[in-house]
N, C-alpha and C. Protein backbone atom coordinates (compact mmCIF):
# COMPACT_ATOMS: atom_id res chain seq x y z
N MET A 1 68.86 160.29 130.29
CA MET A 1 70.00 159.42 130.26
C MET A 1 70.03 158.50 131.47
N LYS A 2 69.69 159.06 132.61
CA LYS A 2 69.70 158.21 133.79
C LYS A 2 68.67 157.10 133.67
N GLY A 3 67.53 157.38 133.04
CA GLY A 3 66.49 156.36 132.86
C GLY A 3 66.98 155.22 132.00
N ARG A 4 67.77 155.52 130.96
CA ARG A 4 68.29 154.46 130.09
C ARG A 4 69.36 153.65 130.80
N ALA A 5 70.14 154.31 131.60
CA ALA A 5 71.22 153.60 132.29
C ALA A 5 70.64 152.60 133.29
N ALA A 6 69.48 152.90 133.86
CA ALA A 6 68.87 152.00 134.83
C ALA A 6 68.39 150.72 134.17
N CYS A 7 68.13 150.74 132.86
CA CYS A 7 67.62 149.56 132.17
C CYS A 7 68.73 148.60 131.77
N VAL A 8 69.96 149.06 131.81
CA VAL A 8 71.08 148.20 131.41
C VAL A 8 71.32 147.18 132.51
N PRO A 9 71.32 145.87 132.17
CA PRO A 9 71.55 144.88 133.22
C PRO A 9 72.95 145.00 133.80
N VAL A 10 73.03 144.84 135.10
CA VAL A 10 74.32 144.92 135.78
C VAL A 10 74.89 143.52 135.90
N ARG A 11 76.12 143.36 135.48
CA ARG A 11 76.75 142.04 135.57
C ARG A 11 77.57 141.96 136.84
N HIS A 12 78.08 140.78 137.10
CA HIS A 12 78.90 140.58 138.29
C HIS A 12 80.10 141.51 138.27
N PHE A 13 80.42 142.02 139.44
CA PHE A 13 81.59 142.89 139.55
C PHE A 13 82.86 142.17 139.12
N SER A 14 82.93 140.90 139.37
CA SER A 14 84.15 140.16 139.05
C SER A 14 84.39 140.14 137.54
N GLU A 15 83.34 140.20 136.72
CA GLU A 15 83.49 140.18 135.27
C GLU A 15 83.95 141.53 134.72
N ARG A 16 83.48 142.61 135.26
CA ARG A 16 83.79 143.93 134.74
C ARG A 16 84.91 144.63 135.48
N GLY A 17 85.15 144.16 136.63
CA GLY A 17 86.23 144.76 137.42
C GLY A 17 85.69 145.70 138.46
N ALA A 18 86.52 145.96 139.41
CA ALA A 18 86.14 146.81 140.53
C ALA A 18 85.95 148.25 140.10
N ALA A 19 86.66 148.71 139.07
CA ALA A 19 86.55 150.10 138.63
C ALA A 19 85.15 150.39 138.11
N PHE A 20 84.59 149.46 137.35
CA PHE A 20 83.24 149.65 136.83
C PHE A 20 82.23 149.73 137.97
N GLY A 21 82.40 148.89 138.98
CA GLY A 21 81.51 148.90 140.14
C GLY A 21 81.59 150.21 140.88
N LYS A 22 82.80 150.77 140.99
CA LYS A 22 82.95 152.05 141.67
C LYS A 22 82.25 153.16 140.90
N ARG A 23 82.38 153.14 139.56
CA ARG A 23 81.72 154.16 138.75
C ARG A 23 80.20 154.08 138.89
N LEU A 24 79.67 152.86 138.93
CA LEU A 24 78.21 152.71 139.12
C LEU A 24 77.80 153.25 140.48
N ALA A 25 78.58 152.94 141.50
CA ALA A 25 78.26 153.39 142.85
C ALA A 25 78.31 154.91 142.94
N GLU A 26 79.23 155.54 142.23
CA GLU A 26 79.34 157.00 142.24
C GLU A 26 78.08 157.65 141.68
N HIS A 27 77.45 157.01 140.73
CA HIS A 27 76.24 157.56 140.10
C HIS A 27 74.95 157.10 140.78
N GLY A 28 75.06 156.41 141.92
CA GLY A 28 73.88 156.02 142.69
C GLY A 28 73.30 154.67 142.34
N PHE A 29 74.00 153.90 141.51
CA PHE A 29 73.50 152.57 141.16
C PHE A 29 74.16 151.53 142.06
N GLU A 30 73.34 150.57 142.49
CA GLU A 30 73.89 149.47 143.27
C GLU A 30 73.54 148.18 142.57
N SER A 31 74.41 147.24 142.69
CA SER A 31 74.18 145.95 142.07
C SER A 31 73.18 145.16 142.89
N SER A 32 72.25 144.53 142.18
CA SER A 32 71.29 143.68 142.90
C SER A 32 71.85 142.29 143.13
N ARG A 33 72.98 142.01 142.52
CA ARG A 33 73.62 140.72 142.72
C ARG A 33 74.92 140.92 143.47
N ARG A 34 75.30 139.88 144.16
CA ARG A 34 76.59 139.93 144.84
C ARG A 34 77.42 138.76 144.35
N SER A 35 78.64 139.01 144.22
CA SER A 35 79.51 137.94 143.74
C SER A 35 79.74 136.93 144.85
N ALA A 36 80.28 135.78 144.46
CA ALA A 36 80.52 134.71 145.41
C ALA A 36 81.52 135.12 146.47
N GLU A 37 82.53 135.93 146.08
CA GLU A 37 83.51 136.34 147.07
C GLU A 37 82.97 137.36 148.06
N HIS A 38 81.89 138.01 147.71
CA HIS A 38 81.28 138.97 148.62
C HIS A 38 80.07 138.38 149.35
N GLY A 39 79.95 137.08 149.42
CA GLY A 39 78.88 136.42 150.18
C GLY A 39 77.58 136.27 149.42
N PHE A 40 77.68 135.76 148.21
CA PHE A 40 76.48 135.55 147.40
C PHE A 40 75.52 134.61 148.13
N THR A 41 74.28 135.02 148.25
CA THR A 41 73.23 134.17 148.84
C THR A 41 71.97 134.32 148.00
N PHE A 42 71.17 133.27 148.01
CA PHE A 42 69.90 133.35 147.31
C PHE A 42 68.97 134.24 148.12
N SER A 43 68.32 135.16 147.44
CA SER A 43 67.41 136.04 148.16
C SER A 43 66.09 135.30 148.39
N LYS A 44 65.47 135.56 149.53
CA LYS A 44 64.19 134.93 149.85
C LYS A 44 63.07 135.68 149.15
N ARG A 45 61.99 134.99 148.93
CA ARG A 45 60.86 135.59 148.25
C ARG A 45 60.29 136.71 149.12
N SER A 46 60.06 137.86 148.56
CA SER A 46 59.52 138.98 149.33
C SER A 46 58.03 139.14 149.01
N ALA A 47 57.39 140.01 149.78
CA ALA A 47 55.96 140.25 149.59
C ALA A 47 55.69 140.92 148.25
N GLU A 48 56.71 141.51 147.63
CA GLU A 48 56.52 142.17 146.35
C GLU A 48 56.16 141.20 145.25
N HIS A 49 56.51 139.94 145.41
CA HIS A 49 56.26 138.95 144.37
C HIS A 49 54.83 138.40 144.39
N GLY A 50 54.04 138.72 145.43
CA GLY A 50 52.64 138.29 145.49
C GLY A 50 52.46 136.87 145.97
N PHE A 51 51.29 136.29 145.66
CA PHE A 51 50.93 134.96 146.12
C PHE A 51 50.97 133.98 144.96
N THR A 52 51.19 132.72 145.30
CA THR A 52 51.15 131.68 144.28
C THR A 52 49.71 131.27 144.05
N LEU A 53 49.48 130.56 142.99
CA LEU A 53 48.14 130.08 142.68
C LEU A 53 47.64 129.13 143.76
N VAL A 54 48.50 128.30 144.29
CA VAL A 54 48.11 127.35 145.34
C VAL A 54 47.66 128.11 146.59
N GLU A 55 48.39 129.15 146.96
CA GLU A 55 48.00 129.93 148.13
C GLU A 55 46.64 130.59 147.93
N LEU A 56 46.41 131.13 146.75
CA LEU A 56 45.11 131.74 146.47
C LEU A 56 43.99 130.71 146.50
N MET A 57 44.24 129.53 145.97
CA MET A 57 43.22 128.47 145.98
C MET A 57 42.89 128.05 147.41
N VAL A 58 43.89 127.96 148.27
CA VAL A 58 43.66 127.59 149.67
C VAL A 58 42.78 128.64 150.34
N VAL A 59 43.07 129.90 150.11
CA VAL A 59 42.27 130.98 150.69
C VAL A 59 40.83 130.90 150.18
N ILE A 60 40.64 130.65 148.90
CA ILE A 60 39.29 130.56 148.33
C ILE A 60 38.53 129.38 148.93
N VAL A 61 39.19 128.25 149.13
CA VAL A 61 38.54 127.09 149.75
C VAL A 61 38.13 127.40 151.18
N ILE A 62 39.00 128.07 151.93
CA ILE A 62 38.68 128.43 153.32
C ILE A 62 37.48 129.37 153.35
N ILE A 63 37.46 130.37 152.48
CA ILE A 63 36.33 131.30 152.43
C ILE A 63 35.05 130.55 152.06
N GLY A 64 35.13 129.62 151.13
CA GLY A 64 33.96 128.83 150.75
C GLY A 64 33.42 127.99 151.90
N LEU A 65 34.32 127.36 152.65
CA LEU A 65 33.89 126.55 153.80
C LEU A 65 33.23 127.42 154.87
N LEU A 66 33.82 128.57 155.16
CA LEU A 66 33.23 129.46 156.15
C LEU A 66 31.88 129.99 155.69
N SER A 67 31.76 130.31 154.42
CA SER A 67 30.48 130.79 153.89
C SER A 67 29.41 129.70 153.99
N GLY A 68 29.78 128.47 153.68
CA GLY A 68 28.84 127.35 153.80
C GLY A 68 28.39 127.16 155.22
N ALA A 69 29.31 127.28 156.16
CA ALA A 69 28.95 127.13 157.58
C ALA A 69 27.98 128.22 158.01
N VAL A 70 28.19 129.44 157.55
CA VAL A 70 27.30 130.54 157.91
C VAL A 70 25.91 130.32 157.33
N VAL A 71 25.84 129.90 156.08
CA VAL A 71 24.53 129.68 155.44
C VAL A 71 23.77 128.56 156.15
N LEU A 72 24.48 127.50 156.55
CA LEU A 72 23.80 126.39 157.22
C LEU A 72 23.30 126.75 158.61
N THR A 73 23.95 127.71 159.27
CA THR A 73 23.53 128.07 160.62
C THR A 73 22.53 129.22 160.65
N MET A 74 22.27 129.83 159.51
CA MET A 74 21.30 130.93 159.48
C MET A 74 19.89 130.39 159.70
N ALA A 75 19.13 131.14 160.45
CA ALA A 75 17.75 130.75 160.71
C ALA A 75 16.89 131.02 159.49
N ASP A 76 15.91 130.17 159.28
CA ASP A 76 14.95 130.36 158.20
C ASP A 76 14.10 131.59 158.55
N PRO A 77 14.03 132.59 157.67
CA PRO A 77 13.27 133.80 158.00
C PRO A 77 11.79 133.53 158.23
N ARG A 78 11.27 132.45 157.68
CA ARG A 78 9.86 132.10 157.90
C ARG A 78 9.65 131.41 159.24
N GLY A 79 10.73 131.03 159.91
CA GLY A 79 10.61 130.27 161.14
C GLY A 79 10.57 128.78 160.82
N ARG A 80 10.56 127.97 161.83
CA ARG A 80 10.50 126.53 161.65
C ARG A 80 9.20 126.01 162.25
N ILE A 81 8.77 124.87 161.80
CA ILE A 81 7.56 124.26 162.38
C ILE A 81 7.81 123.96 163.85
N ALA A 82 9.05 123.56 164.18
CA ALA A 82 9.38 123.26 165.57
C ALA A 82 9.18 124.49 166.46
N ASP A 83 9.44 125.68 165.91
CA ASP A 83 9.20 126.91 166.68
C ASP A 83 7.71 127.09 166.95
N ASP A 84 6.88 126.79 165.96
CA ASP A 84 5.42 126.84 166.16
C ASP A 84 4.99 125.86 167.24
N VAL A 85 5.56 124.68 167.22
CA VAL A 85 5.22 123.66 168.21
C VAL A 85 5.60 124.14 169.61
N ASP A 86 6.79 124.71 169.74
CA ASP A 86 7.23 125.19 171.05
C ASP A 86 6.34 126.31 171.57
N ARG A 87 5.99 127.26 170.71
CA ARG A 87 5.11 128.36 171.14
C ARG A 87 3.73 127.82 171.53
N PHE A 88 3.21 126.90 170.73
CA PHE A 88 1.90 126.32 171.03
C PHE A 88 1.93 125.57 172.36
N ALA A 89 2.98 124.78 172.59
CA ALA A 89 3.08 124.02 173.84
C ALA A 89 3.17 124.94 175.05
N GLY A 90 3.94 126.02 174.94
CA GLY A 90 4.05 126.97 176.05
C GLY A 90 2.74 127.66 176.36
N ARG A 91 2.02 128.06 175.33
CA ARG A 91 0.73 128.72 175.56
C ARG A 91 -0.32 127.75 176.09
N THR A 92 -0.24 126.51 175.66
CA THR A 92 -1.19 125.51 176.18
C THR A 92 -0.94 125.27 177.66
N ARG A 93 0.33 125.19 178.07
CA ARG A 93 0.64 125.04 179.51
C ARG A 93 0.14 126.25 180.29
N ALA A 94 0.33 127.46 179.71
CA ALA A 94 -0.14 128.68 180.38
C ALA A 94 -1.66 128.67 180.52
N ALA A 95 -2.39 128.17 179.53
CA ALA A 95 -3.86 128.09 179.61
C ALA A 95 -4.28 127.11 180.69
N ARG A 96 -3.61 125.97 180.76
CA ARG A 96 -3.92 124.98 181.79
C ARG A 96 -3.68 125.57 183.18
N ASP A 97 -2.53 126.26 183.35
CA ASP A 97 -2.21 126.88 184.64
C ASP A 97 -3.20 127.97 184.99
N SER A 98 -3.64 128.73 183.98
CA SER A 98 -4.63 129.79 184.21
C SER A 98 -5.95 129.21 184.70
N ALA A 99 -6.35 128.07 184.15
CA ALA A 99 -7.59 127.42 184.60
C ALA A 99 -7.48 126.99 186.06
N ILE A 100 -6.32 126.48 186.44
CA ILE A 100 -6.12 126.04 187.83
C ILE A 100 -6.11 127.24 188.77
N ILE A 101 -5.36 128.29 188.42
CA ILE A 101 -5.21 129.45 189.29
C ILE A 101 -6.53 130.21 189.45
N SER A 102 -7.23 130.43 188.34
CA SER A 102 -8.48 131.20 188.42
C SER A 102 -9.67 130.36 188.89
N GLY A 103 -9.56 129.05 188.79
CA GLY A 103 -10.67 128.19 189.17
C GLY A 103 -11.79 128.21 188.15
N LYS A 104 -11.50 128.73 186.94
CA LYS A 104 -12.50 128.81 185.88
C LYS A 104 -11.98 128.06 184.66
N PRO A 105 -12.89 127.39 183.93
CA PRO A 105 -12.46 126.65 182.75
C PRO A 105 -11.86 127.56 181.67
N VAL A 106 -10.86 127.02 180.97
CA VAL A 106 -10.24 127.71 179.84
C VAL A 106 -10.28 126.75 178.66
N ALA A 107 -10.73 127.24 177.51
CA ALA A 107 -10.85 126.40 176.31
C ALA A 107 -9.74 126.75 175.32
N LEU A 108 -9.24 125.74 174.65
CA LEU A 108 -8.27 125.90 173.56
C LEU A 108 -8.98 125.55 172.27
N TRP A 109 -8.89 126.41 171.26
CA TRP A 109 -9.44 126.08 169.94
C TRP A 109 -8.32 126.16 168.91
N ILE A 110 -8.40 125.29 167.92
CA ILE A 110 -7.41 125.23 166.84
C ILE A 110 -8.16 125.19 165.52
N SER A 111 -7.78 126.10 164.60
CA SER A 111 -8.30 126.05 163.23
C SER A 111 -7.11 125.79 162.31
N SER A 112 -7.34 125.74 161.02
CA SER A 112 -6.25 125.43 160.10
C SER A 112 -5.22 126.55 160.01
N THR A 113 -5.63 127.79 160.33
CA THR A 113 -4.70 128.93 160.19
C THR A 113 -4.29 129.57 161.51
N ALA A 114 -4.96 129.24 162.62
CA ALA A 114 -4.68 129.93 163.89
C ALA A 114 -5.10 129.05 165.07
N TYR A 115 -4.82 129.55 166.26
CA TYR A 115 -5.30 128.92 167.49
C TYR A 115 -5.46 130.01 168.54
N GLY A 116 -6.29 129.74 169.53
CA GLY A 116 -6.53 130.74 170.58
C GLY A 116 -7.18 130.10 171.79
N PHE A 117 -7.53 130.96 172.76
CA PHE A 117 -8.06 130.49 174.03
C PHE A 117 -9.27 131.34 174.42
N GLU A 118 -10.18 130.70 175.15
CA GLU A 118 -11.38 131.38 175.66
C GLU A 118 -11.53 131.05 177.13
N ARG A 119 -12.14 131.97 177.86
CA ARG A 119 -12.38 131.77 179.29
C ARG A 119 -13.89 131.80 179.54
N ARG A 120 -14.34 130.96 180.42
CA ARG A 120 -15.77 130.90 180.77
C ARG A 120 -16.04 131.96 181.83
N GLU A 121 -16.83 132.98 181.43
CA GLU A 121 -17.16 134.06 182.37
C GLU A 121 -18.62 134.44 182.17
N ASN A 122 -19.33 134.60 183.28
CA ASN A 122 -20.75 135.00 183.28
C ASN A 122 -21.59 134.08 182.41
N GLY A 123 -21.29 132.79 182.46
CA GLY A 123 -22.10 131.80 181.76
C GLY A 123 -21.83 131.70 180.27
N ALA A 124 -20.82 132.39 179.76
CA ALA A 124 -20.54 132.34 178.32
C ALA A 124 -19.02 132.27 178.09
N TRP A 125 -18.65 131.75 176.93
CA TRP A 125 -17.23 131.69 176.56
C TRP A 125 -16.81 133.04 175.98
N GLN A 126 -15.79 133.63 176.56
CA GLN A 126 -15.26 134.92 176.11
C GLN A 126 -13.84 134.72 175.57
N PRO A 127 -13.55 135.20 174.36
CA PRO A 127 -12.19 135.04 173.85
C PRO A 127 -11.20 135.88 174.68
N ILE A 128 -10.04 135.30 174.89
CA ILE A 128 -8.97 136.04 175.59
C ILE A 128 -8.28 136.88 174.53
N MET A 129 -8.29 138.19 174.71
CA MET A 129 -7.84 139.11 173.67
C MET A 129 -6.42 139.62 173.83
N GLU A 130 -5.82 139.45 175.01
CA GLU A 130 -4.48 139.99 175.19
C GLU A 130 -3.63 139.05 176.04
N GLY A 131 -2.33 139.32 176.03
CA GLY A 131 -1.41 138.48 176.79
C GLY A 131 -1.02 137.24 176.00
N PRO A 132 -0.39 136.30 176.69
CA PRO A 132 0.10 135.10 175.99
C PRO A 132 -1.01 134.19 175.49
N LEU A 133 -2.22 134.37 175.96
CA LEU A 133 -3.32 133.50 175.55
C LEU A 133 -4.19 134.13 174.45
N ALA A 134 -3.78 135.26 173.90
CA ALA A 134 -4.52 135.86 172.78
C ALA A 134 -4.37 134.96 171.55
N ALA A 135 -5.35 135.03 170.66
CA ALA A 135 -5.32 134.20 169.45
C ALA A 135 -4.07 134.51 168.63
N ARG A 136 -3.47 133.47 168.05
CA ARG A 136 -2.25 133.60 167.24
C ARG A 136 -2.43 132.83 165.94
N ASP A 137 -1.88 133.41 164.88
CA ASP A 137 -1.82 132.70 163.60
C ASP A 137 -0.62 131.76 163.63
N TRP A 138 -0.71 130.66 162.89
CA TRP A 138 0.47 129.82 162.70
C TRP A 138 1.47 130.61 161.89
N ALA A 139 2.74 130.45 162.14
CA ALA A 139 3.78 131.25 161.47
C ALA A 139 3.88 130.91 159.99
N GLY A 140 4.15 131.94 159.18
CA GLY A 140 4.42 131.75 157.75
C GLY A 140 3.30 131.04 157.02
N GLU A 141 3.67 130.01 156.29
CA GLU A 141 2.72 129.24 155.48
C GLU A 141 2.26 127.98 156.19
N THR A 142 2.46 127.89 157.49
CA THR A 142 2.08 126.70 158.26
C THR A 142 0.57 126.58 158.30
N ARG A 143 0.10 125.36 158.10
CA ARG A 143 -1.33 125.06 158.18
C ARG A 143 -1.53 123.83 159.05
N ALA A 144 -2.61 123.85 159.82
CA ALA A 144 -2.97 122.70 160.66
C ALA A 144 -3.97 121.84 159.91
N GLN A 145 -3.70 120.54 159.85
CA GLN A 145 -4.62 119.59 159.23
C GLN A 145 -5.51 119.00 160.33
N LEU A 146 -6.81 119.24 160.21
CA LEU A 146 -7.76 118.84 161.25
C LEU A 146 -8.70 117.74 160.78
N GLY A 147 -8.43 117.16 159.64
CA GLY A 147 -9.34 116.16 159.10
C GLY A 147 -10.55 116.85 158.50
N SER A 148 -11.74 116.34 158.79
CA SER A 148 -12.96 116.92 158.21
C SER A 148 -13.46 118.11 159.02
N ALA A 149 -12.95 118.32 160.21
CA ALA A 149 -13.41 119.44 161.05
C ALA A 149 -12.76 120.75 160.62
N THR A 150 -13.47 121.85 160.84
CA THR A 150 -12.89 123.16 160.56
C THR A 150 -12.21 123.73 161.80
N GLN A 151 -12.58 123.18 162.97
CA GLN A 151 -11.98 123.64 164.22
C GLN A 151 -12.08 122.52 165.25
N VAL A 152 -11.04 122.35 166.06
CA VAL A 152 -11.09 121.41 167.18
C VAL A 152 -10.98 122.21 168.47
N ARG A 153 -11.50 121.61 169.55
CA ARG A 153 -11.57 122.34 170.82
C ARG A 153 -11.37 121.39 171.98
N ALA A 154 -10.64 121.87 172.99
CA ALA A 154 -10.47 121.13 174.24
C ALA A 154 -10.63 122.14 175.38
N VAL A 155 -11.22 121.67 176.49
CA VAL A 155 -11.48 122.56 177.63
C VAL A 155 -10.74 122.03 178.85
N PHE A 156 -9.96 122.94 179.50
CA PHE A 156 -9.29 122.60 180.76
C PHE A 156 -10.20 123.01 181.90
N ASP A 157 -10.46 122.06 182.83
CA ASP A 157 -11.31 122.39 183.97
C ASP A 157 -10.48 123.03 185.08
N SER A 158 -11.09 123.28 186.21
CA SER A 158 -10.42 124.02 187.29
C SER A 158 -9.29 123.24 187.96
N ILE A 159 -9.16 121.96 187.67
CA ILE A 159 -8.02 121.19 188.20
C ILE A 159 -6.98 120.92 187.11
N GLY A 160 -7.17 121.53 185.92
CA GLY A 160 -6.19 121.45 184.85
C GLY A 160 -6.29 120.24 183.95
N ARG A 161 -7.38 119.54 184.01
CA ARG A 161 -7.56 118.35 183.18
C ARG A 161 -8.38 118.71 181.95
N ALA A 162 -7.91 118.28 180.76
CA ALA A 162 -8.63 118.55 179.51
C ALA A 162 -9.78 117.55 179.35
N ASP A 163 -10.83 117.96 178.65
CA ASP A 163 -11.97 117.08 178.43
C ASP A 163 -11.71 116.06 177.32
N GLN A 164 -10.67 116.27 176.51
CA GLN A 164 -10.32 115.32 175.46
C GLN A 164 -8.86 115.51 175.05
N THR A 165 -8.32 114.49 174.42
CA THR A 165 -6.97 114.63 173.86
C THR A 165 -7.09 115.21 172.45
N LEU A 166 -6.04 115.85 171.98
CA LEU A 166 -6.03 116.42 170.64
C LEU A 166 -4.86 115.86 169.85
N ARG A 167 -5.09 115.71 168.56
CA ARG A 167 -4.03 115.28 167.63
C ARG A 167 -4.18 116.12 166.37
N VAL A 168 -3.15 116.95 166.08
CA VAL A 168 -3.18 117.88 164.96
C VAL A 168 -1.86 117.76 164.21
N THR A 169 -1.91 117.82 162.90
CA THR A 169 -0.69 117.78 162.08
C THR A 169 -0.45 119.16 161.49
N LEU A 170 0.76 119.71 161.74
CA LEU A 170 1.16 120.99 161.15
C LEU A 170 2.00 120.71 159.92
N GLU A 171 1.68 121.38 158.82
CA GLU A 171 2.40 121.18 157.56
C GLU A 171 2.87 122.51 157.00
N ARG A 172 4.07 122.49 156.42
CA ARG A 172 4.58 123.65 155.69
C ARG A 172 5.71 123.21 154.78
N GLY A 173 5.63 123.60 153.53
CA GLY A 173 6.70 123.36 152.58
C GLY A 173 7.14 121.92 152.47
N GLY A 174 6.23 120.99 152.51
CA GLY A 174 6.57 119.59 152.35
C GLY A 174 6.96 118.87 153.63
N SER A 175 7.13 119.59 154.74
CA SER A 175 7.44 118.92 156.01
C SER A 175 6.21 118.98 156.91
N ALA A 176 6.10 117.98 157.78
CA ALA A 176 4.94 117.89 158.66
C ALA A 176 5.37 117.41 160.04
N VAL A 177 4.66 117.92 161.06
CA VAL A 177 4.89 117.53 162.45
C VAL A 177 3.53 117.28 163.08
N THR A 178 3.40 116.18 163.81
CA THR A 178 2.14 115.87 164.47
C THR A 178 2.22 116.28 165.93
N LEU A 179 1.23 117.07 166.36
CA LEU A 179 1.12 117.50 167.76
C LEU A 179 0.13 116.59 168.48
N ARG A 180 0.47 116.24 169.70
CA ARG A 180 -0.45 115.48 170.55
C ARG A 180 -0.58 116.20 171.88
N MET A 181 -1.79 116.46 172.31
CA MET A 181 -2.02 117.04 173.62
C MET A 181 -2.72 116.01 174.48
N ASP A 182 -2.11 115.66 175.61
CA ASP A 182 -2.69 114.69 176.53
C ASP A 182 -3.76 115.36 177.39
N LEU A 183 -4.43 114.54 178.22
CA LEU A 183 -5.47 115.07 179.09
C LEU A 183 -4.91 116.03 180.15
N ASP A 184 -3.63 115.88 180.48
CA ASP A 184 -3.04 116.79 181.47
C ASP A 184 -2.48 118.07 180.83
N GLY A 185 -2.69 118.25 179.51
CA GLY A 185 -2.27 119.46 178.80
C GLY A 185 -0.86 119.43 178.27
N LYS A 186 -0.19 118.30 178.44
CA LYS A 186 1.18 118.19 177.94
C LYS A 186 1.16 118.01 176.43
N VAL A 187 1.96 118.85 175.72
CA VAL A 187 2.01 118.80 174.26
C VAL A 187 3.31 118.13 173.87
N THR A 188 3.22 117.11 173.01
CA THR A 188 4.40 116.44 172.45
C THR A 188 4.30 116.48 170.93
N SER A 189 5.43 116.32 170.30
CA SER A 189 5.42 116.34 168.83
C SER A 189 6.25 115.18 168.30
N GLY A 190 5.92 114.80 167.10
CA GLY A 190 6.65 113.72 166.41
C GLY A 190 6.57 113.97 164.92
N GLY A 191 7.59 113.47 164.18
CA GLY A 191 7.63 113.69 162.72
C GLY A 191 6.65 112.86 162.08
């Protein structure tokens, strides 16, 4: 019975009289409306009513913009060609400095898939097998275009001067960067 009584809409106390309101109050029911004489005010929207469609759309747009920003700032897992250029330039400077410090020539070789360094010892060229001058593959699917040659080579003498300049193009996934090494061992790149 109490469940059915709760479903009956409650009208203004002024329409039914104060006695009816007292009887409802005795049984634990309270009116959700207040009459004008008792300070009727419009109730404000509560959290129970949820969100509007516009509010949900705004939140979805904000989430989409933030997701787009995250995707654009994520690094390519294969690396970038510019990263290959930077690593190559750093190792080339280290090879030049090694030639100056040791007083022995150091050679740089570049193939289509890798590059490395050799040191002149006991009258022969010996590959450097460890440290920053050990042979390295180009990252990912990067390939060096050397023209008709299978390998190019430059030698730094004991004062750090290369015997020739080098020009190599690195390509990967439709993008290409041209490397230039000057006689002083400085590596620059251009698109």
